[in-house]
Amino acid sequence: MANKLDPIPVGPRAITAYLTIKGAAKGIEFYKRAFGAKELMCWTGKDGRVGHAEIEISGTPLFISDEHPEMGVVSPQTLGGTCVGLHLLVEDADATFKRAIAAGGKAVRAMEDEPWGQKSGTLQDPFGHRWFVTQRTAELSVDEMDKIGRAAGFDTQLK
């Protein structure tokens, strides 16, 4: 009997992403619909802006705030894009991707089976953040990953 692949392996979480969103309350609602997020807490200032919120997606925390330009805190919408992506491991990438698109996300790269043991697609949420929605499909050894990387033209240095 084959071992069942753990879709979301437990691993280190020493870094927590902190997203700035123009309209953070709407962002929290989007992440609930799109990714099944659970809202843990939210501090809203007298001006109605979210100062700090915490949600959880698949057991991983994510911090969120509204823009606070007076403190240099601005969103991808204000900056005109982002250079950061969020890699989201899920049990069913197709269903999650479709749900996120239906909730208002925009497909950037369609869902594909990848040679490195994953199925993945890329979307942009309505607030300018980029998400790599991924499902593990195989457990590959370092040697297998090295071979795949070299076949793709990379000088791999896996350890």
C-alpha atoms as a PDB file:
ATOM      1  CA  MET A   1       0.000   0.000   0.000  1.00  0.00           C
ATOM      2  CA  ALA A   2       1.473   3.354  -1.049  1.00  0.00           C
ATOM      3  CA  ASN A   3       1.956   6.125   1.483  1.00  0.00           C
ATOM      4  CA  LYS A   4      -0.527   8.958   1.133  1.00  0.00           C
ATOM      5  CA  LEU A   5       1.094  12.227   0.052  1.00  0.00           C
ATOM      6  CA  ASP A   6       0.634  14.958   2.674  1.00  0.00           C
ATOM      7  CA  PRO A   7      -0.893  17.823   0.646  1.00  0.00           C
ATOM      8  CA  ILE A   8       0.234  20.505   3.089  1.00  0.00           C
ATOM      9  CA  PRO A   9       3.341  19.365   4.951  1.00  0.00           C
ATOM     10  CA  VAL A  10       4.113  20.906   8.319  1.00  0.00           C
ATOM     11  CA  GLY A  11       7.145  23.122   8.113  1.00  0.00           C
ATOM     12  CA  PRO A  12       8.788  26.209   9.524  1.00  0.00           C
ATOM     13  CA  ARG A  13       6.758  29.364   9.827  1.00  0.00           C
ATOM     14  CA  ALA A  14       9.300  31.840  11.161  1.00  0.00           C
ATOM     15  CA  ILE A  15       8.211  34.431   8.611  1.00  0.00           C
ATOM     16  CA  THR A  16       4.657  35.698   8.354  1.00  0.00           C
ATOM     17  CA  ALA A  17       3.566  37.669   5.289  1.00  0.00           C
ATOM     18  CA  TYR A  18       2.036  41.082   6.026  1.00  0.00           C
ATOM     19  CA  LEU A  19      -0.166  42.347   3.190  1.00  0.00           C
ATOM     20  CA  THR A  20      -1.135  45.969   2.768  1.00  0.00           C
ATOM     21  CA  ILE A  21      -4.470  46.295   1.025  1.00  0.00           C
ATOM     22  CA  LYS A  22      -6.370  49.358  -0.161  1.00  0.00           C
ATOM     23  CA  GLY A  23      -9.679  48.340   1.418  1.00  0.00           C
ATOM     24  CA  ALA A  24      -8.381  45.720   3.870  1.00  0.00           C
ATOM     25  CA  ALA A  25     -11.857  44.723   5.131  1.00  0.00           C
ATOM     26  CA  LYS A  26     -12.803  43.766   1.553  1.00  0.00           C
ATOM     27  CA  GLY A  27      -9.510  41.905   1.268  1.00  0.00           C
ATOM     28  CA  ILE A  28     -10.278  39.824   4.345  1.00  0.00           C
ATOM     29  CA  GLU A  29     -13.667  38.898   2.903  1.00  0.00           C
ATOM     30  CA  PHE A  30     -12.050  37.971  -0.434  1.00  0.00           C
ATOM     31  CA  TYR A  31      -9.555  35.646   1.296  1.00  0.00           C
ATOM     32  CA  LYS A  32     -12.403  33.988   3.211  1.00  0.00           C
ATOM     33  CA  ARG A  33     -14.301  33.281  -0.029  1.00  0.00           C
ATOM     34  CA  ALA A  34     -11.286  32.480  -2.191  1.00  0.00           C
ATOM     35  CA  PHE A  35      -9.053  30.503   0.158  1.00  0.00           C
ATOM     36  CA  GLY A  36     -11.251  29.553   3.129  1.00  0.00           C
ATOM     37  CA  ALA A  37      -9.431  31.983   5.425  1.00  0.00           C
ATOM     38  CA  LYS A  38     -10.436  32.225   9.054  1.00  0.00           C
ATOM     39  CA  GLU A  39     -10.395  35.704  10.614  1.00  0.00           C
ATOM     40  CA  LEU A  40      -8.588  35.624  13.946  1.00  0.00           C
ATOM     41  CA  MET A  41      -8.619  39.301  14.913  1.00  0.00           C
ATOM     42  CA  CYS A  42      -8.991  42.788  13.490  1.00  0.00           C
ATOM     43  CA  TRP A  43      -8.185  46.215  14.923  1.00  0.00           C
ATOM     44  CA  THR A  44      -9.946  49.048  13.168  1.00  0.00           C
ATOM     45  CA  GLY A  45      -9.027  52.674  13.879  1.00  0.00           C
ATOM     46  CA  LYS A  46     -11.423  55.536  14.489  1.00  0.00           C
ATOM     47  CA  ASP A  47     -10.899  56.513  10.843  1.00  0.00           C
ATOM     48  CA  GLY A  48     -12.287  53.108   9.744  1.00  0.00           C
ATOM     49  CA  ARG A  49      -8.972  51.792   8.444  1.00  0.00           C
ATOM     50  CA  VAL A  50      -7.733  48.367   9.483  1.00  0.00           C
ATOM     51  CA  GLY A  51      -4.610  48.929  11.537  1.00  0.00           C
ATOM     52  CA  HIS A  52      -3.843  45.251  11.975  1.00  0.00           C
ATOM     53  CA  ALA A  53      -5.738  42.058  11.192  1.00  0.00           C
ATOM     54  CA  GLU A  54      -4.762  38.422  11.406  1.00  0.00           C
ATOM     55  CA  ILE A  55      -6.250  35.638   9.323  1.00  0.00           C
ATOM     56  CA  GLU A  56      -5.278  32.021   8.880  1.00  0.00           C
ATOM     57  CA  ILE A  57      -5.185  30.056   5.637  1.00  0.00           C
ATOM     58  CA  SER A  58      -4.566  26.305   5.907  1.00  0.00           C
ATOM     59  CA  GLY A  59      -3.095  26.772   9.378  1.00  0.00           C
ATOM     60  CA  THR A  60      -0.697  29.541   8.292  1.00  0.00           C
ATOM     61  CA  PRO A  61      -1.091  33.070   9.660  1.00  0.00           C
ATOM     62  CA  LEU A  62      -1.305  36.093   7.384  1.00  0.00           C
ATOM     63  CA  PHE A  63      -1.282  39.688   8.637  1.00  0.00           C
ATOM     64  CA  ILE A  64      -3.217  42.437   6.849  1.00  0.00           C
ATOM     65  CA  SER A  65      -3.607  46.193   7.147  1.00  0.00           C
ATOM     66  CA  ASP A  66      -5.067  49.054   5.194  1.00  0.00           C
ATOM     67  CA  GLU A  67      -2.782  51.579   3.567  1.00  0.00           C
ATOM     68  CA  HIS A  68      -1.236  54.089   5.949  1.00  0.00           C
ATOM     69  CA  PRO A  69       0.740  56.341   3.587  1.00  0.00           C
ATOM     70  CA  GLU A  70       1.613  58.677   6.453  1.00  0.00           C
ATOM     71  CA  MET A  71       3.737  55.780   7.775  1.00  0.00           C
ATOM     72  CA  GLY A  72       5.026  54.650   4.343  1.00  0.00           C
ATOM     73  CA  VAL A  73       2.636  51.660   4.272  1.00  0.00           C
ATOM     74  CA  VAL A  74       1.123  51.380   0.776  1.00  0.00           C
ATOM     75  CA  SER A  75      -0.416  48.635  -1.335  1.00  0.00           C
ATOM     76  CA  PRO A  76       0.484  47.171  -4.742  1.00  0.00           C
ATOM     77  CA  GLN A  77      -2.356  49.248  -6.204  1.00  0.00           C
ATOM     78  CA  THR A  78      -0.664  52.456  -5.089  1.00  0.00           C
ATOM     79  CA  LEU A  79       2.760  51.205  -6.197  1.00  0.00           C
ATOM     80  CA  GLY A  80       1.472  49.988  -9.573  1.00  0.00           C
ATOM     81  CA  GLY A  81       2.318  46.324  -8.963  1.00  0.00           C
ATOM     82  CA  THR A  82       4.141  43.915  -6.698  1.00  0.00           C
ATOM     83  CA  CYS A  83       7.393  42.006  -6.877  1.00  0.00           C
ATOM     84  CA  VAL A  84       6.340  39.509  -4.184  1.00  0.00           C
ATOM     85  CA  GLY A  85       4.248  36.382  -4.642  1.00  0.00           C
ATOM     86  CA  LEU A  86       2.528  34.180  -2.102  1.00  0.00           C
ATOM     87  CA  HIS A  87       2.896  30.415  -2.562  1.00  0.00           C
ATOM     88  CA  LEU A  88      -0.267  28.701  -1.302  1.00  0.00           C
ATOM     89  CA  LEU A  89      -0.242  24.906  -0.875  1.00  0.00           C
ATOM     90  CA  VAL A  90      -3.741  23.431  -0.978  1.00  0.00           C
ATOM     91  CA  GLU A  91      -5.348  19.999  -1.175  1.00  0.00           C
ATOM     92  CA  ASP A  92      -7.230  20.752  -4.404  1.00  0.00           C
ATOM     93  CA  ALA A  93      -5.533  23.391  -6.552  1.00  0.00           C
ATOM     94  CA  ASP A  94      -8.125  23.284  -9.346  1.00  0.00           C
ATOM     95  CA  ALA A  95     -11.035  23.939  -6.976  1.00  0.00           C
ATOM     96  CA  THR A  96      -9.176  26.635  -5.041  1.00  0.00           C
ATOM     97  CA  PHE A  97      -8.082  28.404  -8.230  1.00  0.00           C
ATOM     98  CA  LYS A  98     -11.637  28.368  -9.622  1.00  0.00           C
ATOM     99  CA  ARG A  99     -13.049  29.622  -6.299  1.00  0.00           C
ATOM    100  CA  ALA A 100     -10.517  32.477  -6.182  1.00  0.00           C
ATOM    101  CA  ILE A 101     -11.327  33.513  -9.760  1.00  0.00           C
ATOM    102  CA  ALA A 102     -15.070  33.394  -8.996  1.00  0.00           C
ATOM    103  CA  ALA A 103     -14.449  35.564  -5.909  1.00  0.00           C
ATOM    104  CA  GLY A 104     -12.813  38.263  -8.051  1.00  0.00           C
ATOM    105  CA  GLY A 105      -9.235  37.125  -8.691  1.00  0.00           C
ATOM    106  CA  LYS A 106      -7.689  37.302 -12.168  1.00  0.00           C
ATOM    107  CA  ALA A 107      -5.891  34.349 -13.743  1.00  0.00           C
ATOM    108  CA  VAL A 108      -2.292  35.178 -14.640  1.00  0.00           C
ATOM    109  CA  ARG A 109      -1.161  31.633 -15.552  1.00  0.00           C
ATOM    110  CA  ALA A 110      -3.572  28.733 -15.935  1.00  0.00           C
ATOM    111  CA  MET A 111      -3.329  25.647 -13.752  1.00  0.00           C
ATOM    112  CA  GLU A 112      -0.659  23.231 -15.071  1.00  0.00           C
ATOM    113  CA  ASP A 113       0.882  19.932 -14.057  1.00  0.00           C
ATOM    114  CA  GLU A 114       4.539  20.692 -13.325  1.00  0.00           C
ATOM    115  CA  PRO A 115       7.400  18.190 -13.768  1.00  0.00           C
ATOM    116  CA  TRP A 116       8.619  18.800 -10.208  1.00  0.00           C
ATOM    117  CA  GLY A 117       5.664  17.071  -8.569  1.00  0.00           C
ATOM    118  CA  GLN A 118       3.191  19.934  -8.335  1.00  0.00           C
ATOM    119  CA  LYS A 119       0.137  21.287 -10.055  1.00  0.00           C
ATOM    120  CA  SER A 120       0.081  25.080  -9.992  1.00  0.00           C
ATOM    121  CA  GLY A 121      -1.429  28.226 -11.410  1.00  0.00           C
ATOM    122  CA  THR A 122      -0.968  31.922 -10.751  1.00  0.00           C
ATOM    123  CA  LEU A 123      -3.608  34.519 -10.004  1.00  0.00           C
ATOM    124  CA  GLN A 124      -3.739  38.143  -8.958  1.00  0.00           C
ATOM    125  CA  ASP A 125      -6.192  39.044  -6.237  1.00  0.00           C
ATOM    126  CA  PRO A 126      -8.352  42.180  -6.630  1.00  0.00           C
ATOM    127  CA  PHE A 127      -5.865  44.110  -4.471  1.00  0.00           C
ATOM    128  CA  GLY A 128      -2.750  43.508  -6.581  1.00  0.00           C
ATOM    129  CA  HIS A 129      -1.212  40.585  -4.676  1.00  0.00           C
ATOM    130  CA  ARG A 130       0.052  37.598  -6.690  1.00  0.00           C
ATOM    131  CA  TRP A 131      -0.770  34.048  -5.528  1.00  0.00           C
ATOM    132  CA  PHE A 132       0.808  30.793  -6.715  1.00  0.00           C
ATOM    133  CA  VAL A 133      -1.899  28.210  -5.966  1.00  0.00           C
ATOM    134  CA  THR A 134      -0.160  24.846  -5.708  1.00  0.00           C
ATOM    135  CA  GLN A 135      -0.997  21.215  -4.995  1.00  0.00           C
ATOM    136  CA  ARG A 136       1.635  18.561  -4.349  1.00  0.00           C
ATOM    137  CA  THR A 137       1.266  15.628  -6.738  1.00  0.00           C
ATOM    138  CA  ALA A 138       4.446  13.660  -6.041  1.00  0.00           C
ATOM    139  CA  GLU A 139       7.241  13.335  -3.508  1.00  0.00           C
ATOM    140  CA  LEU A 140      10.486  13.662  -5.456  1.00  0.00           C
ATOM    141  CA  SER A 141      14.007  12.938  -4.246  1.00  0.00           C
ATOM    142  CA  VAL A 142      16.801  15.498  -4.437  1.00  0.00           C
ATOM    143  CA  ASP A 143      18.308  13.510  -7.330  1.00  0.00           C
ATOM    144  CA  GLU A 144      14.996  13.545  -9.232  1.00  0.00           C
ATOM    145  CA  MET A 145      14.635  17.317  -8.662  1.00  0.00           C
ATOM    146  CA  ASP A 146      18.229  17.867  -9.801  1.00  0.00           C
ATOM    147  CA  LYS A 147      17.580  15.894 -13.003  1.00  0.00           C
ATOM    148  CA  ILE A 148      14.400  17.888 -13.719  1.00  0.00           C
ATOM    149  CA  GLY A 149      16.195  21.180 -13.122  1.00  0.00           C
ATOM    150  CA  ARG A 150      19.104  20.276 -15.370  1.00  0.00           C
ATOM    151  CA  ALA A 151      16.717  19.094 -18.129  1.00  0.00           C
ATOM    152  CA  ALA A 152      15.073  22.518 -17.953  1.00  0.00           C
ATOM    153  CA  GLY A 153      18.438  24.212 -18.444  1.00  0.00           C
ATOM    154  CA  PHE A 154      19.198  25.210 -14.858  1.00  0.00           C
ATOM    155  CA  ASP A 155      22.555  24.720 -13.163  1.00  0.00           C
ATOM    156  CA  THR A 156      21.011  23.145 -10.096  1.00  0.00           C
ATOM    157  CA  GLN A 157      22.681  23.042  -6.704  1.00  0.00           C
ATOM    158  CA  LEU A 158      20.219  21.066  -4.637  1.00  0.00           C
ATOM    159  CA  LYS A 159      21.375  19.737  -1.281  1.00  0.00           C
END
